[in-house]
């Protein structure tokens, strides 16, 4: 039994080490099990789903604010390969996120916090 637990522990540790990578943008060590291209693909797919389910706000005031803040983030990230998209959706729920593949969403309720 002890040999079995030792083997499981060793395999688990080996998998952990295999998943440790250096983030290319920040230089930080992270445990990551998906590739950047897979994250980007999943992020783009989720973004398409969000855009079909939610209605963009009619308020140019909120949309402009989201684009202004998002553009500052994009500039700070300084990753030319990202295709940034910023959108403000009409919603009673305060929520915001940035998906892999540089898709950023905020809701109108986020501005009332």
N, C-alpha and C. Protein backbone atom coordinates (compact mmCIF):
# COMPACT_ATOMS: atom_id res chain seq x y z
N UNK A 1 0.82 -1.20 0.00
CA UNK A 1 0.00 0.00 0.00
C UNK A 1 0.87 1.27 0.00
N UNK A 2 1.96 1.21 0.80
CA UNK A 2 2.85 2.37 0.86
C UNK A 2 3.51 2.64 -0.49
N UNK A 3 3.87 1.55 -1.20
CA UNK A 3 4.47 1.71 -2.52
C UNK A 3 3.48 2.37 -3.48
N UNK A 4 2.23 1.97 -3.38
CA UNK A 4 1.19 2.52 -4.25
C UNK A 4 1.01 4.02 -3.98
N UNK A 5 0.97 4.41 -2.71
CA UNK A 5 0.83 5.83 -2.35
C UNK A 5 2.06 6.62 -2.79
N UNK A 6 3.23 6.01 -2.64
CA UNK A 6 4.45 6.70 -3.07
C UNK A 6 4.45 6.92 -4.57
N UNK A 7 4.00 5.92 -5.31
CA UNK A 7 3.93 6.04 -6.77
C UNK A 7 2.92 7.11 -7.18
N UNK A 8 1.77 7.13 -6.53
CA UNK A 8 0.75 8.14 -6.82
C UNK A 8 1.29 9.53 -6.50
N UNK A 9 1.98 9.65 -5.37
CA UNK A 9 2.57 10.93 -5.00
C UNK A 9 3.62 11.39 -5.99
N UNK A 10 4.46 10.45 -6.43
CA UNK A 10 5.50 10.79 -7.40
C UNK A 10 4.90 11.24 -8.73
N UNK A 11 3.90 10.49 -9.20
CA UNK A 11 3.25 10.84 -10.47
C UNK A 11 2.56 12.20 -10.35
N UNK A 12 1.90 12.43 -9.23
CA UNK A 12 1.24 13.73 -9.01
C UNK A 12 2.24 14.87 -9.00
N UNK A 13 3.37 14.67 -8.34
CA UNK A 13 4.40 15.69 -8.29
C UNK A 13 4.99 15.94 -9.68
N UNK A 14 5.20 14.88 -10.44
CA UNK A 14 5.73 15.01 -11.81
C UNK A 14 4.76 15.80 -12.69
N UNK A 15 3.46 15.52 -12.54
CA UNK A 15 2.46 16.27 -13.32
C UNK A 15 2.45 17.73 -12.91
N UNK A 16 2.59 17.97 -11.61
CA UNK A 16 2.63 19.35 -11.12
C UNK A 16 3.81 20.10 -11.74
N UNK A 17 4.98 19.48 -11.73
CA UNK A 17 6.16 20.11 -12.32
C UNK A 17 6.00 20.33 -13.82
N UNK A 18 5.37 19.40 -14.49
CA UNK A 18 5.16 19.53 -15.93
C UNK A 18 4.24 20.70 -16.24
N UNK A 19 3.32 20.99 -15.33
CA UNK A 19 2.38 22.09 -15.54
C UNK A 19 2.93 23.44 -15.12
N UNK A 20 4.08 23.49 -14.45
CA UNK A 20 4.67 24.76 -14.03
C UNK A 20 5.38 25.40 -15.22
N UNK A 21 4.94 26.57 -15.56
CA UNK A 21 5.53 27.30 -16.68
C UNK A 21 5.73 28.76 -16.29
N UNK A 22 6.52 29.44 -17.06
CA UNK A 22 6.70 30.87 -16.86
C UNK A 22 5.74 31.60 -17.78
N UNK A 23 4.90 32.45 -17.18
CA UNK A 23 3.97 33.27 -17.97
C UNK A 23 4.79 34.18 -18.86
N UNK A 24 4.56 34.19 -20.17
CA UNK A 24 5.38 34.99 -21.08
C UNK A 24 5.25 36.50 -20.86
N UNK A 25 4.10 36.96 -20.44
CA UNK A 25 3.90 38.41 -20.30
C UNK A 25 4.43 38.92 -18.96
N UNK A 26 4.10 38.20 -17.87
CA UNK A 26 4.49 38.67 -16.54
C UNK A 26 5.81 38.11 -16.06
N UNK A 27 6.23 36.98 -16.62
CA UNK A 27 7.45 36.34 -16.16
C UNK A 27 7.27 35.54 -14.88
N UNK A 28 6.05 35.45 -14.38
CA UNK A 28 5.77 34.72 -13.14
C UNK A 28 5.63 33.23 -13.41
N UNK A 29 5.99 32.43 -12.41
CA UNK A 29 5.82 30.99 -12.48
C UNK A 29 4.36 30.66 -12.17
N UNK A 30 3.75 29.83 -12.99
CA UNK A 30 2.34 29.46 -12.81
C UNK A 30 2.16 27.98 -13.11
N UNK A 31 1.12 27.41 -12.51
CA UNK A 31 0.73 26.03 -12.80
C UNK A 31 -0.38 26.11 -13.83
N UNK A 32 -0.08 25.76 -15.07
CA UNK A 32 -1.02 25.92 -16.17
C UNK A 32 -1.13 24.61 -16.94
N UNK A 33 -2.36 24.15 -17.12
CA UNK A 33 -2.57 22.89 -17.83
C UNK A 33 -3.08 23.09 -19.25
N UNK A 34 -3.36 24.33 -19.65
CA UNK A 34 -3.83 24.59 -21.00
C UNK A 34 -2.83 25.50 -21.71
N UNK A 35 -2.75 25.37 -23.01
CA UNK A 35 -1.85 26.22 -23.79
C UNK A 35 -2.52 27.58 -24.02
N UNK A 36 -1.70 28.55 -24.38
CA UNK A 36 -2.23 29.89 -24.66
C UNK A 36 -3.20 29.85 -25.84
N UNK A 37 -2.91 29.04 -26.85
CA UNK A 37 -3.81 28.97 -28.01
C UNK A 37 -5.14 28.31 -27.62
N UNK A 38 -5.09 27.33 -26.72
CA UNK A 38 -6.34 26.71 -26.26
C UNK A 38 -7.16 27.70 -25.43
N UNK A 39 -6.49 28.46 -24.55
CA UNK A 39 -7.18 29.48 -23.77
C UNK A 39 -7.83 30.52 -24.69
N UNK A 40 -7.08 30.93 -25.70
CA UNK A 40 -7.59 31.93 -26.64
C UNK A 40 -8.81 31.41 -27.38
N UNK A 41 -8.75 30.18 -27.80
CA UNK A 41 -9.87 29.57 -28.52
C UNK A 41 -11.11 29.47 -27.62
N UNK A 42 -10.91 29.01 -26.38
CA UNK A 42 -12.03 28.91 -25.45
C UNK A 42 -12.60 30.29 -25.11
N UNK A 43 -11.70 31.28 -24.96
CA UNK A 43 -12.15 32.65 -24.69
C UNK A 43 -12.97 33.23 -25.82
N UNK A 44 -12.53 32.99 -27.05
CA UNK A 44 -13.26 33.48 -28.23
C UNK A 44 -14.63 32.81 -28.33
N UNK A 45 -14.67 31.52 -28.05
CA UNK A 45 -15.94 30.79 -28.08
C UNK A 45 -16.90 31.32 -27.02
N UNK A 46 -16.40 31.54 -25.81
CA UNK A 46 -17.25 32.07 -24.73
C UNK A 46 -17.72 33.48 -25.05
N UNK A 47 -16.85 34.27 -25.67
CA UNK A 47 -17.20 35.65 -26.04
C UNK A 47 -18.35 35.65 -27.05
N UNK A 48 -18.29 34.78 -28.03
CA UNK A 48 -19.35 34.67 -29.02
C UNK A 48 -20.66 34.31 -28.34
N UNK A 49 -20.60 33.41 -27.38
CA UNK A 49 -21.79 33.00 -26.64
C UNK A 49 -22.38 34.16 -25.83
N UNK A 50 -21.53 34.92 -25.18
CA UNK A 50 -21.99 36.08 -24.40
C UNK A 50 -22.66 37.10 -25.31
N UNK A 51 -22.04 37.36 -26.46
CA UNK A 51 -22.60 38.37 -27.37
C UNK A 51 -23.93 37.95 -27.97
N UNK A 52 -24.20 36.66 -28.08
CA UNK A 52 -25.49 36.22 -28.61
C UNK A 52 -26.57 36.22 -27.54
N UNK A 53 -26.17 36.10 -26.27
CA UNK A 53 -27.15 36.02 -25.18
C UNK A 53 -27.47 37.37 -24.54
N UNK A 54 -26.55 38.32 -24.64
CA UNK A 54 -26.73 39.59 -23.94
C UNK A 54 -26.85 40.75 -24.93
N UNK A 55 -27.57 41.77 -24.49
CA UNK A 55 -27.82 42.94 -25.33
C UNK A 55 -26.85 44.06 -24.97
N UNK A 56 -26.15 44.61 -25.95
CA UNK A 56 -25.26 45.76 -25.66
C UNK A 56 -26.08 46.94 -25.15
N UNK A 57 -25.47 47.74 -24.30
CA UNK A 57 -26.15 48.91 -23.78
C UNK A 57 -26.38 49.94 -24.89
N UNK A 58 -27.44 50.70 -24.75
CA UNK A 58 -27.72 51.78 -25.69
C UNK A 58 -27.01 53.06 -25.25
N UNK A 59 -26.43 53.04 -24.05
CA UNK A 59 -25.79 54.23 -23.49
C UNK A 59 -24.37 54.39 -24.03
N UNK A 60 -24.16 55.44 -24.81
CA UNK A 60 -22.81 55.69 -25.31
C UNK A 60 -21.89 56.11 -24.17
N UNK A 61 -22.46 56.66 -23.10
CA UNK A 61 -21.69 57.07 -21.94
C UNK A 61 -20.97 55.86 -21.33
N UNK A 62 -21.71 54.77 -21.10
CA UNK A 62 -21.11 53.58 -20.50
C UNK A 62 -20.20 52.86 -21.48
N UNK A 63 -20.60 52.77 -22.72
CA UNK A 63 -19.77 52.11 -23.73
C UNK A 63 -18.43 52.82 -23.88
N UNK A 64 -18.47 54.14 -23.91
CA UNK A 64 -17.25 54.94 -24.04
C UNK A 64 -16.33 54.72 -22.84
N UNK A 65 -16.92 54.65 -21.65
CA UNK A 65 -16.13 54.43 -20.44
C UNK A 65 -15.45 53.06 -20.48
N UNK A 66 -16.18 52.04 -20.90
CA UNK A 66 -15.61 50.68 -20.98
C UNK A 66 -14.47 50.65 -21.99
N UNK A 67 -14.66 51.26 -23.12
CA UNK A 67 -13.60 51.29 -24.14
C UNK A 67 -12.40 52.08 -23.65
N UNK A 68 -12.63 53.19 -22.96
CA UNK A 68 -11.53 54.01 -22.46
C UNK A 68 -10.68 53.23 -21.44
N UNK A 69 -11.34 52.58 -20.48
CA UNK A 69 -10.61 51.80 -19.47
C UNK A 69 -9.95 50.58 -20.12
N UNK A 70 -10.69 49.91 -20.99
CA UNK A 70 -10.13 48.74 -21.67
C UNK A 70 -8.92 49.08 -22.51
N UNK A 71 -8.97 50.21 -23.18
CA UNK A 71 -7.83 50.63 -24.00
C UNK A 71 -6.59 50.90 -23.15
N UNK A 72 -6.80 51.45 -21.95
CA UNK A 72 -5.68 51.67 -21.04
C UNK A 72 -5.08 50.34 -20.58
N UNK A 73 -5.93 49.36 -20.33
CA UNK A 73 -5.46 48.02 -19.96
C UNK A 73 -4.67 47.41 -21.12
N UNK A 74 -5.23 47.50 -22.32
CA UNK A 74 -4.56 46.94 -23.50
C UNK A 74 -3.19 47.58 -23.71
N UNK A 75 -3.12 48.87 -23.49
CA UNK A 75 -1.84 49.58 -23.65
C UNK A 75 -0.83 49.09 -22.61
N UNK A 76 -1.29 48.89 -21.38
CA UNK A 76 -0.41 48.43 -20.31
C UNK A 76 0.07 47.00 -20.56
N UNK A 77 -0.80 46.16 -21.12
CA UNK A 77 -0.44 44.77 -21.40
C UNK A 77 0.60 44.73 -22.52
N UNK A 78 0.46 45.61 -23.50
CA UNK A 78 1.43 45.72 -24.58
C UNK A 78 1.67 44.38 -25.28
N UNK A 79 0.59 43.76 -25.70
CA UNK A 79 0.68 42.50 -26.43
C UNK A 79 0.02 42.69 -27.79
N UNK A 80 0.80 43.02 -28.83
CA UNK A 80 0.24 43.35 -30.14
C UNK A 80 -0.56 42.23 -30.80
N UNK A 81 -0.31 40.98 -30.39
CA UNK A 81 -1.03 39.87 -31.04
C UNK A 81 -2.47 39.74 -30.54
N UNK A 82 -2.79 40.40 -29.41
CA UNK A 82 -4.17 40.33 -28.90
C UNK A 82 -5.09 41.19 -29.75
N UNK A 83 -6.27 40.68 -30.01
CA UNK A 83 -7.29 41.44 -30.74
C UNK A 83 -8.35 41.85 -29.73
N UNK A 84 -8.13 42.98 -29.09
CA UNK A 84 -8.99 43.42 -27.99
C UNK A 84 -10.39 43.77 -28.47
N UNK A 85 -11.36 43.42 -27.67
CA UNK A 85 -12.75 43.84 -27.88
C UNK A 85 -13.30 44.25 -26.53
N UNK A 86 -14.00 45.37 -26.48
CA UNK A 86 -14.59 45.87 -25.25
C UNK A 86 -16.08 46.09 -25.49
N UNK A 87 -16.89 45.63 -24.56
CA UNK A 87 -18.34 45.76 -24.74
C UNK A 87 -19.00 45.98 -23.39
N UNK A 88 -19.97 46.87 -23.37
CA UNK A 88 -20.78 47.10 -22.18
C UNK A 88 -22.19 46.59 -22.49
N UNK A 89 -22.67 45.68 -21.66
CA UNK A 89 -23.98 45.08 -21.86
C UNK A 89 -24.98 45.63 -20.87
N UNK A 90 -26.23 45.75 -21.32
CA UNK A 90 -27.31 46.22 -20.46
C UNK A 90 -27.69 45.07 -19.52
N UNK A 91 -27.51 45.29 -18.23
CA UNK A 91 -27.82 44.24 -17.26
C UNK A 91 -28.03 44.84 -15.89
N UNK A 92 -28.89 44.21 -15.11
CA UNK A 92 -29.12 44.62 -13.73
C UNK A 92 -28.03 44.05 -12.81
N UNK A 93 -27.28 43.09 -13.29
CA UNK A 93 -26.25 42.43 -12.50
C UNK A 93 -24.90 43.13 -12.70
N UNK A 94 -24.29 43.53 -11.59
CA UNK A 94 -22.97 44.16 -11.67
C UNK A 94 -21.94 43.07 -11.93
N UNK A 95 -21.26 43.16 -13.06
CA UNK A 95 -20.31 42.13 -13.43
C UNK A 95 -19.37 42.66 -14.51
N UNK A 96 -18.15 42.20 -14.46
CA UNK A 96 -17.17 42.55 -15.49
C UNK A 96 -16.14 41.44 -15.55
N UNK A 97 -15.59 41.19 -16.72
CA UNK A 97 -14.53 40.20 -16.87
C UNK A 97 -13.74 40.47 -18.12
N UNK A 98 -12.58 39.86 -18.18
CA UNK A 98 -11.77 39.87 -19.39
C UNK A 98 -11.44 38.42 -19.70
N UNK A 99 -11.88 37.95 -20.83
CA UNK A 99 -11.66 36.56 -21.25
C UNK A 99 -10.29 36.43 -21.92
N UNK A 100 -9.76 35.20 -21.91
CA UNK A 100 -8.59 34.98 -22.77
C UNK A 100 -8.97 35.35 -24.20
N UNK A 101 -8.05 35.77 -24.97
CA UNK A 101 -8.26 36.26 -26.33
C UNK A 101 -8.67 37.73 -26.28
N UNK A 102 -8.50 38.37 -25.12
CA UNK A 102 -8.65 39.81 -24.97
C UNK A 102 -10.06 40.32 -25.24
N UNK A 103 -11.05 39.60 -24.78
CA UNK A 103 -12.44 40.06 -24.88
C UNK A 103 -12.87 40.52 -23.50
N UNK A 104 -13.30 41.76 -23.39
CA UNK A 104 -13.62 42.34 -22.09
C UNK A 104 -15.09 42.77 -22.05
N UNK A 105 -15.76 42.39 -20.97
CA UNK A 105 -17.19 42.66 -20.82
C UNK A 105 -17.43 43.38 -19.51
N UNK A 106 -18.34 44.32 -19.54
CA UNK A 106 -18.81 44.98 -18.33
C UNK A 106 -20.31 45.16 -18.48
N UNK A 107 -20.98 45.39 -17.37
CA UNK A 107 -22.43 45.63 -17.43
C UNK A 107 -22.73 47.04 -16.93
N UNK A 108 -23.87 47.54 -17.32
CA UNK A 108 -24.27 48.88 -16.88
C UNK A 108 -24.41 48.96 -15.38
N UNK A 109 -24.82 47.86 -14.74
CA UNK A 109 -24.96 47.86 -13.28
C UNK A 109 -23.60 48.02 -12.58
N UNK A 110 -22.53 47.69 -13.26
CA UNK A 110 -21.20 47.84 -12.67
C UNK A 110 -20.87 49.29 -12.35
N UNK A 111 -21.50 50.20 -13.05
CA UNK A 111 -21.22 51.62 -12.85
C UNK A 111 -21.96 52.20 -11.67
N UNK A 112 -22.91 51.46 -11.10
CA UNK A 112 -23.65 51.97 -9.95
C UNK A 112 -23.03 51.56 -8.63
N UNK A 113 -21.94 50.81 -8.68
CA UNK A 113 -21.29 50.35 -7.45
C UNK A 113 -20.48 51.48 -6.84
